[in-house]
Protein backbone atom coordinates (compact mmCIF):
# COMPACT_ATOMS: atom_id res chain seq x y z
CA MET A 1 -81.08 -168.22 -105.81
CA THR A 2 -84.76 -168.05 -106.69
CA GLN A 3 -86.11 -167.79 -110.24
CA GLY A 4 -87.14 -164.19 -109.66
CA GLN A 5 -83.65 -163.23 -108.49
CA LEU A 6 -82.15 -165.05 -111.47
CA ASP A 7 -84.40 -163.14 -113.88
CA ARG A 8 -83.44 -159.82 -112.29
CA LEU A 9 -79.75 -160.73 -112.54
CA LYS A 10 -80.13 -161.59 -116.23
CA ARG A 11 -81.96 -158.33 -116.86
CA ALA A 12 -79.24 -156.38 -115.06
CA MET A 13 -76.54 -158.11 -117.11
CA TRP A 14 -78.39 -157.28 -120.32
CA VAL A 15 -78.72 -153.63 -119.31
CA LEU A 16 -75.02 -153.45 -118.37
CA SER A 17 -73.94 -155.10 -121.65
CA LEU A 18 -76.13 -152.84 -123.77
CA SER A 19 -74.93 -149.77 -121.88
CA ILE A 20 -71.30 -150.68 -122.62
CA LEU A 21 -72.10 -151.28 -126.29
CA ALA A 22 -73.89 -147.90 -126.46
CA ILE A 23 -70.80 -145.94 -125.34
CA PRO A 24 -69.26 -145.63 -128.87
CA PHE A 25 -72.58 -144.26 -130.14
CA VAL A 26 -73.36 -141.91 -127.25
CA PHE A 27 -69.86 -140.52 -126.68
CA PRO A 28 -69.68 -138.40 -129.90
CA PHE A 29 -73.00 -136.80 -128.99
CA LEU A 30 -71.81 -136.01 -125.47
CA TRP A 31 -68.55 -134.62 -126.83
CA MET A 32 -70.47 -132.40 -129.26
CA VAL A 33 -72.68 -130.96 -126.52
CA SER A 34 -69.81 -130.40 -124.10
CA SER A 35 -67.66 -128.79 -126.80
CA GLY A 36 -70.47 -126.34 -127.45
CA PHE A 37 -69.61 -124.86 -124.04
CA LYS A 38 -65.88 -124.60 -124.75
CA SER A 39 -63.73 -121.99 -126.42
CA ALA A 40 -62.10 -122.81 -129.76
CA THR A 41 -58.73 -123.06 -128.02
CA GLU A 42 -59.96 -125.54 -125.44
CA ILE A 43 -61.60 -127.76 -128.08
CA PHE A 44 -58.22 -128.40 -129.73
CA GLY A 45 -56.27 -128.32 -126.49
CA GLN A 46 -55.99 -131.10 -123.96
CA PRO A 47 -58.95 -133.45 -124.55
CA SER A 48 -61.58 -133.29 -121.84
CA LEU A 49 -65.24 -134.24 -121.89
CA VAL A 50 -66.12 -131.68 -119.20
CA PRO A 51 -65.27 -128.07 -120.09
CA ARG A 52 -62.80 -126.39 -117.76
CA ILE A 53 -64.54 -123.05 -118.35
CA TRP A 54 -68.22 -123.13 -119.26
CA ARG A 55 -68.84 -120.61 -122.04
CA TRP A 56 -72.61 -120.12 -122.02
CA THR A 57 -72.11 -117.13 -124.29
CA ASN A 58 -71.49 -119.49 -127.21
CA PHE A 59 -75.23 -120.12 -127.44
CA VAL A 60 -75.86 -116.36 -127.46
CA GLU A 61 -73.24 -115.70 -130.14
CA VAL A 62 -74.88 -118.32 -132.37
CA PHE A 63 -77.92 -116.04 -132.74
CA GLU A 64 -75.81 -112.90 -133.09
CA TYR A 65 -73.47 -114.21 -135.80
CA GLN A 66 -76.28 -114.76 -138.34
CA PRO A 67 -80.14 -114.88 -138.30
CA PHE A 68 -80.06 -118.33 -136.71
CA ALA A 69 -83.55 -118.04 -135.20
CA GLN A 70 -85.05 -117.36 -138.65
CA GLN A 71 -83.03 -120.23 -140.14
CA TYR A 72 -84.21 -122.52 -137.34
CA PHE A 73 -87.81 -121.58 -138.07
CA ASN A 74 -87.25 -122.18 -141.80
CA SER A 75 -86.19 -125.76 -141.16
CA LEU A 76 -89.06 -126.34 -138.74
CA TYR A 77 -91.84 -125.15 -141.01
CA ILE A 78 -90.37 -126.74 -144.15
CA ALA A 79 -89.93 -130.12 -142.43
CA GLY A 80 -93.44 -129.89 -140.98
CA LEU A 81 -95.01 -128.97 -144.33
CA VAL A 82 -93.12 -131.70 -146.19
CA THR A 83 -94.18 -134.24 -143.56
CA VAL A 84 -97.88 -133.34 -143.77
CA LEU A 85 -97.96 -133.33 -147.58
CA THR A 86 -96.03 -136.60 -147.78
CA LEU A 87 -98.41 -138.29 -145.34
CA ILE A 88 -101.45 -137.22 -147.35
CA LEU A 89 -100.13 -138.06 -150.81
CA SER A 90 -98.30 -141.27 -149.89
CA SER A 91 -101.30 -142.65 -148.00
CA LEU A 92 -103.61 -141.87 -150.93
CA ALA A 93 -101.24 -143.35 -153.50
CA GLY A 94 -100.37 -146.32 -151.29
CA TYR A 95 -104.03 -147.12 -150.72
CA ALA A 96 -104.76 -146.90 -154.46
CA LEU A 97 -101.88 -149.23 -155.32
CA ALA A 98 -102.83 -151.69 -152.59
CA ARG A 99 -106.63 -151.82 -152.97
CA MET A 100 -107.60 -150.59 -156.42
CA ARG A 101 -107.19 -152.83 -159.45
CA PHE A 102 -106.43 -151.02 -162.70
CA ALA A 103 -104.47 -151.69 -165.86
CA GLY A 104 -100.74 -151.17 -165.47
CA ALA A 105 -100.74 -151.10 -161.67
CA GLY A 106 -97.84 -153.57 -161.46
CA LEU A 107 -95.84 -151.70 -164.09
CA LEU A 108 -96.49 -148.40 -162.31
CA MET A 109 -95.24 -149.87 -159.04
CA LEU A 110 -92.12 -151.13 -160.83
CA PHE A 111 -91.41 -147.65 -162.19
CA LEU A 112 -91.93 -146.10 -158.78
CA VAL A 113 -89.56 -148.52 -157.05
CA SER A 114 -87.01 -147.98 -159.84
CA ALA A 115 -87.01 -144.27 -158.98
CA LEU A 116 -85.47 -145.16 -155.61
CA MET A 117 -82.32 -146.36 -157.41
CA VAL A 118 -81.60 -142.94 -158.95
CA PRO A 119 -79.27 -140.81 -156.76
CA GLU A 120 -80.38 -137.24 -156.15
CA GLU A 121 -77.06 -136.01 -157.56
CA VAL A 122 -78.14 -137.35 -160.96
CA THR A 123 -81.40 -135.38 -161.01
CA ILE A 124 -80.22 -132.17 -159.37
CA ILE A 125 -79.32 -130.45 -162.67
CA PRO A 126 -82.66 -131.19 -164.41
CA ASN A 127 -84.44 -130.14 -161.20
CA PHE A 128 -82.42 -126.91 -161.18
CA PHE A 129 -83.60 -125.98 -164.68
CA LEU A 130 -87.16 -127.01 -163.81
CA MET A 131 -87.27 -124.86 -160.68
CA ARG A 132 -85.71 -121.93 -162.53
CA TRP A 133 -88.36 -122.26 -165.24
CA LEU A 134 -91.06 -122.27 -162.54
CA GLY A 135 -89.55 -119.15 -160.98
CA LEU A 136 -88.85 -120.86 -157.65
CA MET A 137 -85.15 -120.08 -157.33
CA ASP A 138 -84.14 -118.63 -153.94
CA THR A 139 -87.47 -119.73 -152.46
CA HIS A 140 -88.43 -122.64 -150.24
CA GLY A 141 -90.62 -124.12 -152.96
CA PRO A 142 -88.02 -126.63 -154.23
CA LEU A 143 -87.32 -127.78 -150.66
CA VAL A 144 -91.00 -128.74 -150.34
CA LEU A 145 -91.80 -130.03 -153.83
CA LEU A 146 -88.73 -132.20 -154.45
CA PRO A 147 -88.94 -134.31 -151.27
CA VAL A 148 -92.71 -134.76 -151.63
CA PHE A 149 -92.70 -135.75 -155.31
CA GLY A 150 -89.19 -137.21 -155.49
CA PRO A 151 -87.68 -140.58 -154.51
CA HIS A 152 -88.44 -140.01 -150.84
CA GLY A 153 -92.14 -139.63 -151.64
CA VAL A 154 -91.94 -142.90 -153.58
CA MET A 155 -90.39 -144.63 -150.57
CA ALA A 156 -93.18 -143.32 -148.35
CA THR A 157 -95.78 -144.53 -150.87
CA PHE A 158 -94.18 -147.98 -150.91
CA LEU A 159 -94.25 -148.19 -147.10
CA MET A 160 -97.91 -147.20 -146.99
CA ARG A 161 -98.80 -149.60 -149.80
CA GLN A 162 -97.16 -152.50 -147.94
CA TYR A 163 -99.16 -151.69 -144.84
CA PHE A 164 -102.50 -151.31 -146.64
CA VAL A 165 -102.02 -154.67 -148.40
CA ALA A 166 -102.15 -156.39 -145.01
CA LEU A 167 -105.46 -154.83 -143.95
CA PRO A 168 -108.41 -157.27 -143.96
CA LYS A 169 -110.68 -156.87 -146.98
CA GLU A 170 -113.71 -157.48 -144.77
CA LEU A 171 -113.27 -153.98 -143.34
CA GLU A 172 -113.69 -152.45 -146.78
CA GLU A 173 -116.75 -154.56 -147.44
CA ALA A 174 -118.26 -153.43 -144.16
CA GLY A 175 -117.54 -149.82 -145.12
CA ARG A 176 -119.27 -150.23 -148.47
CA MET A 177 -122.30 -151.71 -146.76
CA ASP A 178 -122.41 -148.59 -144.60
CA GLY A 179 -122.46 -146.46 -147.73
CA LEU A 180 -118.87 -145.21 -147.65
CA SER A 181 -117.18 -144.22 -150.88
CA ARG A 182 -113.64 -145.30 -151.72
CA LEU A 183 -112.35 -142.00 -150.32
CA GLY A 184 -114.49 -142.46 -147.21
CA ILE A 185 -113.06 -145.93 -146.61
CA TRP A 186 -109.54 -144.49 -146.90
CA TRP A 187 -110.33 -141.68 -144.45
CA LYS A 188 -112.46 -143.47 -141.86
CA ILE A 189 -111.08 -147.03 -141.96
CA ALA A 190 -107.68 -147.33 -143.63
CA LEU A 191 -106.00 -144.27 -142.12
CA PRO A 192 -106.99 -144.88 -138.46
CA MET A 193 -105.72 -148.46 -138.73
CA SER A 194 -102.40 -147.44 -140.28
CA ARG A 195 -101.13 -145.23 -137.46
CA PRO A 196 -97.85 -147.18 -137.01
CA ALA A 197 -97.03 -146.80 -140.72
CA LEU A 198 -98.04 -143.13 -140.66
CA ALA A 199 -95.80 -142.55 -137.64
CA ALA A 200 -92.86 -144.24 -139.38
CA VAL A 201 -93.35 -142.21 -142.56
CA ALA A 202 -93.70 -139.02 -140.50
CA ILE A 203 -90.46 -139.48 -138.56
CA ILE A 204 -88.45 -140.58 -141.60
CA THR A 205 -89.81 -137.71 -143.68
CA PHE A 206 -89.16 -135.15 -140.96
CA LEU A 207 -85.57 -136.33 -140.54
CA PHE A 208 -85.01 -136.40 -144.31
CA SER A 209 -86.23 -132.83 -144.75
CA TRP A 210 -84.48 -131.60 -141.60
CA ASN A 211 -81.09 -132.93 -142.77
CA LEU A 212 -81.44 -131.88 -146.43
CA PHE A 213 -78.28 -130.10 -147.58
CA LEU A 214 -77.73 -130.42 -151.35
CA GLU A 215 -81.07 -128.94 -152.42
CA PRO A 216 -80.82 -125.86 -150.13
CA LEU A 217 -77.24 -125.37 -151.28
CA VAL A 218 -78.34 -125.33 -154.93
CA PHE A 219 -81.62 -123.44 -154.70
CA ILE A 220 -81.15 -120.97 -151.80
CA SER A 221 -78.83 -117.97 -151.89
CA SER A 222 -80.30 -115.52 -149.33
CA LEU A 223 -78.90 -115.83 -145.81
CA GLU A 224 -82.27 -115.32 -144.11
CA LYS A 225 -83.76 -118.17 -146.19
CA PHE A 226 -81.08 -120.68 -145.21
CA THR A 227 -82.09 -123.90 -143.50
CA LEU A 228 -80.12 -125.32 -140.58
CA PRO A 229 -77.67 -127.52 -142.56
CA LEU A 230 -76.58 -124.47 -144.56
CA ALA A 231 -76.54 -122.29 -141.46
CA LEU A 232 -74.27 -124.71 -139.61
CA ALA A 233 -71.77 -124.67 -142.48
CA ASN A 234 -71.84 -120.86 -142.46
CA PHE A 235 -70.22 -120.45 -139.03
CA THR A 236 -66.80 -119.57 -140.43
CA ASP A 237 -64.23 -116.85 -139.89
CA ALA A 238 -62.93 -114.33 -142.44
CA TYR A 239 -60.64 -116.98 -143.94
CA GLY A 240 -63.41 -119.55 -144.38
CA LEU A 241 -62.23 -121.71 -141.48
CA PRO A 242 -64.88 -123.23 -139.20
CA LEU A 243 -65.67 -121.56 -135.89
CA TRP A 244 -65.92 -124.87 -134.11
CA HIS A 245 -67.21 -123.60 -130.79
CA LEU A 246 -70.14 -121.88 -132.56
CA GLN A 247 -70.75 -124.76 -134.97
CA LEU A 248 -70.94 -127.29 -132.15
CA ALA A 249 -73.18 -125.06 -130.05
CA ALA A 250 -75.52 -124.55 -133.02
CA THR A 251 -75.47 -128.26 -133.83
CA SER A 252 -76.45 -129.07 -130.25
CA LEU A 253 -79.49 -126.82 -130.67
CA ALA A 254 -80.26 -128.33 -134.09
CA VAL A 255 -80.57 -131.90 -132.81
CA VAL A 256 -83.23 -131.06 -130.20
CA PRO A 257 -86.27 -131.44 -132.52
CA ILE A 258 -84.84 -134.68 -133.95
CA LEU A 259 -84.47 -136.18 -130.48
CA ILE A 260 -87.98 -135.13 -129.48
CA VAL A 261 -89.59 -136.55 -132.62
CA TYR A 262 -87.66 -139.80 -132.42
CA LEU A 263 -88.33 -140.37 -128.73
CA ILE A 264 -92.05 -139.89 -129.35
CA ALA A 265 -92.34 -142.16 -132.39
CA GLN A 266 -89.58 -144.76 -132.07
CA ARG A 267 -91.95 -147.57 -131.05
CA GLN A 268 -94.25 -146.89 -134.00
CA ILE A 269 -91.28 -146.94 -136.39
CA ILE A 270 -90.13 -150.36 -135.21
CA GLU A 271 -93.67 -151.73 -135.35
CA SER A 272 -94.24 -150.40 -138.85
CA PHE A 273 -91.09 -151.91 -140.31
CA ALA A 274 -91.75 -155.23 -138.56
CA MET A 275 -95.28 -155.44 -139.96
CA SER A 276 -94.81 -153.92 -143.43
CA GLY A 277 -91.52 -155.53 -144.35
CA VAL A 278 -92.94 -159.05 -144.50
CA LYS A 279 -96.32 -158.34 -146.09
CA GLY A 280 -97.54 -158.18 -149.66
C-alpha cells in the first residue's frame, strides 16, 4: 500500500469515526424535524424516524394558530439590532480598554468581568422596575437594551479587548503618522483586522438574543409582540397541554436562521477563540 493510499484510508477512518460519534448529537435534530410532519397521535405511538403519513399541513397550521409570522419577524429584527449595537459598542469599549491608558482601567476591567458572575435571575427584578419606570413595558425595548448593556455585552467587550491587545502597536503608529485620530485608527485599522473576533461576537450575540426566554416572558404580554421562544411555548390546547406536532413544526422553522448563521461563521468563531483566548 502506497503512502497516498494509506493517507486516504486514515482520512476515511477519521470521517467514519466522527460520523458515528455525531449520531447522538444529530439524531434529536432529525427526530424533531421528522416529528414536525407527524400527527400528535403518531408522535407518541410506535417510534419511527420516518413519518408513516406526512402531514405538511402542520406547517400551515403553525401560522394559523397564532401570528407566528409576526413573531418570527420580531425575533429576527431584535436579534439583528442587538447584534449590530453589540458589535459597535463592544468594539469601541474593547479598543479603549486594550489601547488607551487611563486611571482605573484595570479596576474597571475587574468590575466588568465580575458582572459576568451575576446570574440574570438575580437582576431581573431590578431590571423590571427600571423598565417600568422608563415606560418600556410590553415593548421590545428591554429585549434590546438588556443584552447590549448587560453581562452579554460585557462578555463581547472582553472578547474584543483580548483581540485588540494582540494587534501590533506599529499599526497604530503608522496610522498616527498618516494623520488618523484615535477614532479613525479604530475604524480604518483595528476593525478591519478584527474580523474573526467580530464574527464570533456576532454569532454568539445573535444566538443569545434569538434564544432569550426569561426577559420576553417578564416584559412582553401582547401576543403579536411575542418572540419565538414565547411563541413556541404558546402552542397549547385548551387545557394548557402542548400541541407537540405544532411545537415541533414551529421549532423546525425556528432553527433555520441559527443554522444559516452558524454555517457561515463557524470558522471565524473557532479562529477568534483560538487567537483571543491565549492573548493579553
